[in-house]
PDB file of N, CA and C in Angstrom:
ATOM      1  N   MET A   1     -48.920  37.904 -43.422  1.00  0.00           N
ATOM      2  CA  MET A   1     -48.910  37.110 -44.631  1.00  0.00           C
ATOM      3  C   MET A   1     -48.160  35.820 -44.356  1.00  0.00           C
ATOM      4  N   ASP A   2     -48.774  34.700 -44.604  1.00  0.00           N
ATOM      5  CA  ASP A   2     -48.160  33.396 -44.353  1.00  0.00           C
ATOM      6  C   ASP A   2     -47.439  32.905 -45.598  1.00  0.00           C
ATOM      7  N   PHE A   3     -46.232  32.368 -45.363  1.00  0.00           N
ATOM      8  CA  PHE A   3     -45.468  31.759 -46.434  1.00  0.00           C
ATOM      9  C   PHE A   3     -45.474  30.259 -46.201  1.00  0.00           C
ATOM     10  N   PRO A   4     -45.611  29.456 -47.247  1.00  0.00           N
ATOM     11  CA  PRO A   4     -45.532  28.007 -47.053  1.00  0.00           C
ATOM     12  C   PRO A   4     -44.121  27.620 -46.631  1.00  0.00           C
ATOM     13  N   LEU A   5     -44.023  26.672 -45.729  1.00  0.00           N
ATOM     14  CA  LEU A   5     -42.719  26.235 -45.244  1.00  0.00           C
ATOM     15  C   LEU A   5     -42.068  25.269 -46.219  1.00  0.00           C
ATOM     16  N   ARG A   6     -40.763  25.331 -46.304  1.00  0.00           N
ATOM     17  CA  ARG A   6     -39.967  24.381 -47.070  1.00  0.00           C
ATOM     18  C   ARG A   6     -39.068  23.657 -46.096  1.00  0.00           C
ATOM     19  N   ALA A   7     -38.341  22.686 -46.583  1.00  0.00           N
ATOM     20  CA  ALA A   7     -37.448  21.914 -45.714  1.00  0.00           C
ATOM     21  C   ALA A   7     -36.415  22.797 -45.034  1.00  0.00           C
ATOM     22  N   GLY A   8     -35.991  23.870 -45.689  1.00  0.00           N
ATOM     23  CA  GLY A   8     -34.976  24.744 -45.129  1.00  0.00           C
ATOM     24  C   GLY A   8     -35.533  25.804 -44.208  1.00  0.00           C
ATOM     25  N   GLY A   9     -36.842  25.924 -44.092  1.00  0.00           N
ATOM     26  CA  GLY A   9     -37.439  26.945 -43.246  1.00  0.00           C
ATOM     27  C   GLY A   9     -38.546  27.646 -44.000  1.00  0.00           C
ATOM     28  N   PHE A  10     -38.490  28.945 -44.031  1.00  0.00           N
ATOM     29  CA  PHE A  10     -39.524  29.704 -44.722  1.00  0.00           C
ATOM     30  C   PHE A  10     -39.299  29.697 -46.228  1.00  0.00           C
ATOM     31  N   ALA A  11     -40.362  29.965 -46.975  1.00  0.00           N
ATOM     32  CA  ALA A  11     -40.313  29.893 -48.433  1.00  0.00           C
ATOM     33  C   ALA A  11     -39.297  30.853 -49.031  1.00  0.00           C
ATOM     34  N   ASN A  12     -39.018  31.965 -48.375  1.00  0.00           N
ATOM     35  CA  ASN A  12     -38.079  32.925 -48.940  1.00  0.00           C
ATOM     36  C   ASN A  12     -36.628  32.656 -48.548  1.00  0.00           C
ATOM     37  N   GLU A  13     -36.378  31.594 -47.790  1.00  0.00           N
ATOM     38  CA  GLU A  13     -35.015  31.235 -47.424  1.00  0.00           C
ATOM     39  C   GLU A  13     -34.414  30.337 -48.495  1.00  0.00           C
ATOM     40  N   PRO A  14     -33.115  30.481 -48.756  1.00  0.00           N
ATOM     41  CA  PRO A  14     -32.489  29.567 -49.725  1.00  0.00           C
ATOM     42  C   PRO A  14     -32.457  28.153 -49.159  1.00  0.00           C
ATOM     43  N   GLU A  15     -32.610  27.199 -50.010  1.00  0.00           N
ATOM     44  CA  GLU A  15     -32.617  25.805 -49.591  1.00  0.00           C
ATOM     45  C   GLU A  15     -31.190  25.264 -49.578  1.00  0.00           C
ATOM     46  N   HIS A  16     -30.890  24.424 -48.622  1.00  0.00           N
ATOM     47  CA  HIS A  16     -29.573  23.807 -48.548  1.00  0.00           C
ATOM     48  C   HIS A  16     -29.402  22.894 -49.756  1.00  0.00           C
ATOM     49  N   PRO A  17     -28.260  22.956 -50.467  1.00  0.00           N
ATOM     50  CA  PRO A  17     -28.105  22.179 -51.693  1.00  0.00           C
ATOM     51  C   PRO A  17     -28.195  20.672 -51.504  1.00  0.00           C
ATOM     52  N   ARG A  18     -27.748  20.147 -50.376  1.00  0.00           N
ATOM     53  CA  ARG A  18     -27.822  18.693 -50.184  1.00  0.00           C
ATOM     54  C   ARG A  18     -29.258  18.219 -50.044  1.00  0.00           C
ATOM     55  N   ARG A  19     -30.097  19.026 -49.413  1.00  0.00           N
ATOM     56  CA  ARG A  19     -31.501  18.630 -49.290  1.00  0.00           C
ATOM     57  C   ARG A  19     -32.140  18.473 -50.657  1.00  0.00           C
ATOM     58  N   ALA A  20     -31.802  19.362 -51.565  1.00  0.00           N
ATOM     59  CA  ALA A  20     -32.360  19.288 -52.911  1.00  0.00           C
ATOM     60  C   ALA A  20     -31.906  18.005 -53.602  1.00  0.00           C
ATOM     61  N   ILE A  21     -30.660  17.627 -53.400  1.00  0.00           N
ATOM     62  CA  ILE A  21     -30.142  16.409 -54.030  1.00  0.00           C
ATOM     63  C   ILE A  21     -30.884  15.184 -53.501  1.00  0.00           C
ATOM     64  N   TRP A  22     -31.083  15.114 -52.170  1.00  0.00           N
ATOM     65  CA  TRP A  22     -31.766  13.949 -51.604  1.00  0.00           C
ATOM     66  C   TRP A  22     -33.179  13.843 -52.128  1.00  0.00           C
ATOM     67  N   ARG A  23     -33.857  14.951 -52.265  1.00  0.00           N
ATOM     68  CA  ARG A  23     -35.231  14.902 -52.741  1.00  0.00           C
ATOM     69  C   ARG A  23     -35.323  14.558 -54.213  1.00  0.00           C
ATOM     70  N   ARG A  24     -34.295  14.870 -54.981  1.00  0.00           N
ATOM     71  CA  ARG A  24     -34.328  14.579 -56.409  1.00  0.00           C
ATOM     72  C   ARG A  24     -33.950  13.141 -56.698  1.00  0.00           C
ATOM     73  N   GLY A  25     -33.763  12.352 -55.695  1.00  0.00           N
ATOM     74  CA  GLY A  25     -33.449  10.944 -55.912  1.00  0.00           C
ATOM     75  C   GLY A  25     -31.954  10.686 -56.014  1.00  0.00           C
ATOM     76  N   GLY A  26     -31.162  11.507 -55.366  1.00  0.00           N
ATOM     77  CA  GLY A  26     -29.723  11.284 -55.346  1.00  0.00           C
ATOM     78  C   GLY A  26     -29.412   9.953 -54.686  1.00  0.00           C
ATOM     79  N   THR A  27     -28.236   9.446 -54.941  1.00  0.00           N
ATOM     80  CA  THR A  27     -27.896   8.132 -54.393  1.00  0.00           C
ATOM     81  C   THR A  27     -27.465   8.262 -52.945  1.00  0.00           C
ATOM     82  N   ARG A  28     -27.931   7.352 -52.148  1.00  0.00           N
ATOM     83  CA  ARG A  28     -27.544   7.277 -50.747  1.00  0.00           C
ATOM     84  C   ARG A  28     -26.827   5.956 -50.562  1.00  0.00           C
ATOM     85  N   ARG A  29     -25.596   6.035 -50.097  1.00  0.00           N
ATOM     86  CA  ARG A  29     -24.827   4.809 -49.934  1.00  0.00           C
ATOM     87  C   ARG A  29     -25.358   4.015 -48.750  1.00  0.00           C
ATOM     88  N   ARG A  30     -25.388   2.724 -48.899  1.00  0.00           N
ATOM     89  CA  ARG A  30     -25.781   1.825 -47.827  1.00  0.00           C
ATOM     90  C   ARG A  30     -24.628   0.852 -47.599  1.00  0.00           C
ATOM     91  N   PHE A  31     -24.315   0.643 -46.344  1.00  0.00           N
ATOM     92  CA  PHE A  31     -23.184  -0.209 -45.999  1.00  0.00           C
ATOM     93  C   PHE A  31     -23.690  -1.442 -45.266  1.00  0.00           C
ATOM     94  N   THR A  32     -23.082  -2.570 -45.554  1.00  0.00           N
ATOM     95  CA  THR A  32     -23.461  -3.803 -44.869  1.00  0.00           C
ATOM     96  C   THR A  32     -22.919  -3.764 -43.443  1.00  0.00           C
ATOM     97  N   ASN A  33     -23.516  -4.574 -42.595  1.00  0.00           N
ATOM     98  CA  ASN A  33     -23.032  -4.674 -41.211  1.00  0.00           C
ATOM     99  C   ASN A  33     -21.605  -5.197 -41.175  1.00  0.00           C
ATOM    100  N   GLU A  34     -21.273  -6.071 -42.128  1.00  0.00           N
ATOM    101  CA  GLU A  34     -19.917  -6.610 -42.193  1.00  0.00           C
ATOM    102  C   GLU A  34     -18.908  -5.500 -42.508  1.00  0.00           C
ATOM    103  N   PHE A  35     -19.235  -4.617 -43.455  1.00  0.00           N
ATOM    104  CA  PHE A  35     -18.342  -3.508 -43.787  1.00  0.00           C
ATOM    105  C   PHE A  35     -18.167  -2.598 -42.584  1.00  0.00           C
ATOM    106  N   LYS A  36     -19.260  -2.299 -41.876  1.00  0.00           N
ATOM    107  CA  LYS A  36     -19.191  -1.438 -40.701  1.00  0.00           C
ATOM    108  C   LYS A  36     -18.288  -2.056 -39.639  1.00  0.00           C
ATOM    109  N   ALA A  37     -18.458  -3.361 -39.421  1.00  0.00           N
ATOM    110  CA  ALA A  37     -17.650  -4.055 -38.416  1.00  0.00           C
ATOM    111  C   ALA A  37     -16.174  -4.038 -38.796  1.00  0.00           C
ATOM    112  N   GLN A  38     -15.870  -4.261 -40.071  1.00  0.00           N
ATOM    113  CA  GLN A  38     -14.483  -4.246 -40.524  1.00  0.00           C
ATOM    114  C   GLN A  38     -13.882  -2.845 -40.400  1.00  0.00           C
ATOM    115  N   ALA A  39     -14.681  -1.816 -40.695  1.00  0.00           N
ATOM    116  CA  ALA A  39     -14.203  -0.437 -40.575  1.00  0.00           C
ATOM    117  C   ALA A  39     -13.870  -0.106 -39.124  1.00  0.00           C
ATOM    118  N   VAL A  40     -14.739  -0.512 -38.209  1.00  0.00           N
ATOM    119  CA  VAL A  40     -14.500  -0.253 -36.787  1.00  0.00           C
ATOM    120  C   VAL A  40     -13.297  -1.057 -36.297  1.00  0.00           C
ATOM    121  N   LYS A  41     -13.178  -2.282 -36.754  1.00  0.00           N
ATOM    122  CA  LYS A  41     -12.028  -3.106 -36.373  1.00  0.00           C
ATOM    123  C   LYS A  41     -10.729  -2.464 -36.850  1.00  0.00           C
ATOM    124  N   ARG A  42     -10.735  -1.958 -38.074  1.00  0.00           N
ATOM    125  CA  ARG A  42      -9.549  -1.283 -38.606  1.00  0.00           C
ATOM    126  C   ARG A  42      -9.198  -0.067 -37.760  1.00  0.00           C
ATOM    127  N   LEU A  43     -10.232   0.640 -37.316  1.00  0.00           N
ATOM    128  CA  LEU A  43     -10.020   1.826 -36.487  1.00  0.00           C
ATOM    129  C   LEU A  43      -9.463   1.460 -35.116  1.00  0.00           C
ATOM    130  N   LEU A  44     -10.058   0.471 -34.468  1.00  0.00           N
ATOM    131  CA  LEU A  44      -9.676   0.128 -33.103  1.00  0.00           C
ATOM    132  C   LEU A  44      -8.349  -0.616 -33.016  1.00  0.00           C
ATOM    133  N   GLU A  45      -8.053  -1.438 -34.018  1.00  0.00           N
ATOM    134  CA  GLU A  45      -6.850  -2.269 -33.949  1.00  0.00           C
ATOM    135  C   GLU A  45      -5.683  -1.728 -34.767  1.00  0.00           C
ATOM    136  N   GLY A  46      -5.945  -0.721 -35.582  1.00  0.00           N
ATOM    137  CA  GLY A  46      -4.905  -0.254 -36.487  1.00  0.00           C
ATOM    138  C   GLY A  46      -3.924   0.742 -35.910  1.00  0.00           C
ATOM    139  N   GLY A  47      -4.253   1.346 -34.776  1.00  0.00           N
ATOM    140  CA  GLY A  47      -3.351   2.319 -34.192  1.00  0.00           C
ATOM    141  C   GLY A  47      -3.297   3.638 -34.949  1.00  0.00           C
ATOM    142  N   ARG A  48      -4.308   3.882 -35.791  1.00  0.00           N
ATOM    143  CA  ARG A  48      -4.361   5.123 -36.554  1.00  0.00           C
ATOM    144  C   ARG A  48      -5.549   5.947 -36.104  1.00  0.00           C
ATOM    145  N   GLY A  49      -5.542   7.201 -36.458  1.00  0.00           N
ATOM    146  CA  GLY A  49      -6.589   8.106 -36.038  1.00  0.00           C
ATOM    147  C   GLY A  49      -7.882   7.927 -36.816  1.00  0.00           C
ATOM    148  N   LEU A  50      -8.946   8.462 -36.235  1.00  0.00           N
ATOM    149  CA  LEU A  50     -10.271   8.378 -36.831  1.00  0.00           C
ATOM    150  C   LEU A  50     -10.302   9.006 -38.217  1.00  0.00           C
ATOM    151  N   SER A  51      -9.769  10.201 -38.354  1.00  0.00           N
ATOM    152  CA  SER A  51      -9.845  10.879 -39.645  1.00  0.00           C
ATOM    153  C   SER A  51      -9.029  10.153 -40.715  1.00  0.00           C
ATOM    154  N   GLU A  52      -7.920   9.558 -40.327  1.00  0.00           N
ATOM    155  CA  GLU A  52      -7.096   8.820 -41.288  1.00  0.00           C
ATOM    156  C   GLU A  52      -7.843   7.595 -41.833  1.00  0.00           C
ATOM    157  N   VAL A  53      -8.454   6.832 -40.940  1.00  0.00           N
ATOM    158  CA  VAL A  53      -9.192   5.638 -41.360  1.00  0.00           C
ATOM    159  C   VAL A  53     -10.431   6.035 -42.168  1.00  0.00           C
ATOM    160  N   ALA A  54     -11.130   7.066 -41.731  1.00  0.00           N
ATOM    161  CA  ALA A  54     -12.321   7.511 -42.452  1.00  0.00           C
ATOM    162  C   ALA A  54     -11.962   7.952 -43.863  1.00  0.00           C
ATOM    163  N   THR A  55     -10.898   8.719 -44.016  1.00  0.00           N
ATOM    164  CA  THR A  55     -10.465   9.171 -45.338  1.00  0.00           C
ATOM    165  C   THR A  55     -10.076   7.996 -46.212  1.00  0.00           C
ATOM    166  N   GLU A  56      -9.375   7.046 -45.624  1.00  0.00           N
ATOM    167  CA  GLU A  56      -8.948   5.849 -46.354  1.00  0.00           C
ATOM    168  C   GLU A  56     -10.145   5.075 -46.910  1.00  0.00           C
ATOM    169  N   LEU A  57     -11.232   5.036 -46.142  1.00  0.00           N
ATOM    170  CA  LEU A  57     -12.417   4.284 -46.542  1.00  0.00           C
ATOM    171  C   LEU A  57     -13.437   5.128 -47.305  1.00  0.00           C
ATOM    172  N   GLY A  58     -13.182   6.419 -47.428  1.00  0.00           N
ATOM    173  CA  GLY A  58     -14.120   7.290 -48.136  1.00  0.00           C
ATOM    174  C   GLY A  58     -15.357   7.615 -47.323  1.00  0.00           C
ATOM    175  N   LEU A  59     -15.197   7.682 -46.007  1.00  0.00           N
ATOM    176  CA  LEU A  59     -16.307   7.970 -45.097  1.00  0.00           C
ATOM    177  C   LEU A  59     -16.085   9.309 -44.428  1.00  0.00           C
ATOM    178  N   SER A  60     -17.158   9.856 -43.882  1.00  0.00           N
ATOM    179  CA  SER A  60     -17.000  11.038 -43.048  1.00  0.00           C
ATOM    180  C   SER A  60     -16.561  10.581 -41.657  1.00  0.00           C
ATOM    181  N   THR A  61     -15.880  11.465 -40.954  1.00  0.00           N
ATOM    182  CA  THR A  61     -15.450  11.110 -39.603  1.00  0.00           C
ATOM    183  C   THR A  61     -16.652  10.903 -38.692  1.00  0.00           C
ATOM    184  N   GLY A  62     -17.719  11.664 -38.918  1.00  0.00           N
ATOM    185  CA  GLY A  62     -18.926  11.511 -38.107  1.00  0.00           C
ATOM    186  C   GLY A  62     -19.565  10.148 -38.270  1.00  0.00           C
ATOM    187  N   GLN A  63     -19.586   9.642 -39.503  1.00  0.00           N
ATOM    188  CA  GLN A  63     -20.185   8.331 -39.758  1.00  0.00           C
ATOM    189  C   GLN A  63     -19.379   7.226 -39.085  1.00  0.00           C
ATOM    190  N   LEU A  64     -18.072   7.267 -39.254  1.00  0.00           N
ATOM    191  CA  LEU A  64     -17.226   6.239 -38.642  1.00  0.00           C
ATOM    192  C   LEU A  64     -17.287   6.327 -37.124  1.00  0.00           C
ATOM    193  N   SER A  65     -17.341   7.521 -36.596  1.00  0.00           N
ATOM    194  CA  SER A  65     -17.459   7.702 -35.150  1.00  0.00           C
ATOM    195  C   SER A  65     -18.763   7.106 -34.627  1.00  0.00           C
ATOM    196  N   ALA A  66     -19.856   7.314 -35.366  1.00  0.00           N
ATOM    197  CA  ALA A  66     -21.149   6.754 -34.955  1.00  0.00           C
ATOM    198  C   ALA A  66     -21.102   5.230 -34.961  1.00  0.00           C
ATOM    199  N   TRP A  67     -20.476   4.645 -35.974  1.00  0.00           N
ATOM    200  CA  TRP A  67     -20.353   3.188 -36.022  1.00  0.00           C
ATOM    201  C   TRP A  67     -19.513   2.677 -34.859  1.00  0.00           C
ATOM    202  N   ARG A  68     -18.431   3.392 -34.527  1.00  0.00           N
ATOM    203  CA  ARG A  68     -17.581   2.991 -33.404  1.00  0.00           C
ATOM    204  C   ARG A  68     -18.375   3.025 -32.100  1.00  0.00           C
ATOM    205  N   THR A  69     -19.126   4.104 -31.884  1.00  0.00           N
ATOM    206  CA  THR A  69     -19.936   4.236 -30.670  1.00  0.00           C
ATOM    207  C   THR A  69     -20.961   3.116 -30.586  1.00  0.00           C
ATOM    208  N   GLU A  70     -21.620   2.832 -31.691  1.00  0.00           N
ATOM    209  CA  GLU A  70     -22.609   1.745 -31.719  1.00  0.00           C
ATOM    210  C   GLU A  70     -21.957   0.410 -31.406  1.00  0.00           C
ATOM    211  N   HIS A  71     -20.791   0.168 -31.977  1.00  0.00           N
ATOM    212  CA  HIS A  71     -20.063  -1.079 -31.737  1.00  0.00           C
ATOM    213  C   HIS A  71     -19.680  -1.217 -30.264  1.00  0.00           C
ATOM    214  N   LEU A  72     -19.151  -0.147 -29.687  1.00  0.00           N
ATOM    215  CA  LEU A  72     -18.727  -0.194 -28.291  1.00  0.00           C
ATOM    216  C   LEU A  72     -19.925  -0.354 -27.355  1.00  0.00           C
ATOM    217  N   ASP A  73     -21.042   0.318 -27.652  1.00  0.00           N
ATOM    218  CA  ASP A  73     -22.243   0.166 -26.829  1.00  0.00           C
ATOM    219  C   ASP A  73     -22.774  -1.261 -26.900  1.00  0.00           C
ATOM    220  N   THR A  74     -22.761  -1.838 -28.087  1.00  0.00           N
ATOM    221  CA  THR A  74     -23.230  -3.216 -28.262  1.00  0.00           C
ATOM    222  C   THR A  74     -22.320  -4.185 -27.516  1.00  0.00           C
ATOM    223  N   SER A  75     -21.014  -3.944 -27.589  1.00  0.00           N
ATOM    224  CA  SER A  75     -20.052  -4.812 -26.893  1.00  0.00           C
ATOM    225  C   SER A  75     -20.277  -4.770 -25.384  1.00  0.00           C
ATOM    226  N   LYS A  76     -20.512  -3.574 -24.850  1.00  0.00           N
ATOM    227  CA  LYS A  76     -20.765  -3.444 -23.408  1.00  0.00           C
ATOM    228  C   LYS A  76     -22.044  -4.163 -23.009  1.00  0.00           C
ATOM    229  N   TYR A  77     -23.088  -4.039 -23.849  1.00  0.00           N
ATOM    230  CA  TYR A  77     -24.357  -4.702 -23.560  1.00  0.00           C
ATOM    231  C   TYR A  77     -24.191  -6.222 -23.568  1.00  0.00           C
ATOM    232  N   LEU A  78     -23.467  -6.733 -24.564  1.00  0.00           N
ATOM    233  CA  LEU A  78     -23.268  -8.183 -24.639  1.00  0.00           C
ATOM    234  C   LEU A  78     -22.433  -8.691 -23.472  1.00  0.00           C
ATOM    235  N   ALA A  79     -21.435  -7.919 -23.057  1.00  0.00           N
ATOM    236  CA  ALA A  79     -20.607  -8.308 -21.920  1.00  0.00           C
ATOM    237  C   ALA A  79     -21.433  -8.322 -20.631  1.00  0.00           C
ATOM    238  N   ALA A  80     -22.290  -7.335 -20.455  1.00  0.00           N
ATOM    239  CA  ALA A  80     -23.139  -7.286 -19.266  1.00  0.00           C
ATOM    240  C   ALA A  80     -24.145  -8.427 -19.269  1.00  0.00           C
ATOM    241  N   SER A  81     -24.671  -8.766 -20.435  1.00  0.00           N
ATOM    242  CA  SER A  81     -25.640  -9.864 -20.534  1.00  0.00           C
ATOM    243  C   SER A  81     -24.969 -11.208 -20.235  1.00  0.00           C
ATOM    244  N   ALA A  82     -23.720 -11.361 -20.608  1.00  0.00           N
ATOM    245  CA  ALA A  82     -23.003 -12.614 -20.361  1.00  0.00           C
ATOM    246  C   ALA A  82     -22.740 -12.827 -18.870  1.00  0.00           C
ATOM    247  N   LEU A  83     -22.645 -11.742 -18.110  1.00  0.00           N
ATOM    248  CA  LEU A  83     -22.360 -11.857 -16.687  1.00  0.00           C
ATOM    249  C   LEU A  83     -23.599 -12.251 -15.867  1.00  0.00           C
ATOM    250  N   ARG A  84     -24.760 -12.090 -16.436  1.00  0.00           N
ATOM    251  CA  ARG A  84     -25.989 -12.397 -15.695  1.00  0.00           C
ATOM    252  C   ARG A  84     -26.263 -13.857 -15.585  1.00  0.00           C
TER     253      ARG A  84
END
């Protein structure tokens, strides 16, 4: 017997509550590049930990970490391009 699949897996599995919120049109925050850059700058130059800065800004540590990684990768790419 085939069950139709849902986002969480099989039809008889409970659905994750956040998935339901996103599908119902919940709000998704969007951040400007300037805000991201300022957040990463605060993290790198402030001498404080990732979780402290993320909490201060109302972000998850994973989100701030991803922005930091993106910033550092971009910086390395620009530095390598300048040397050519």
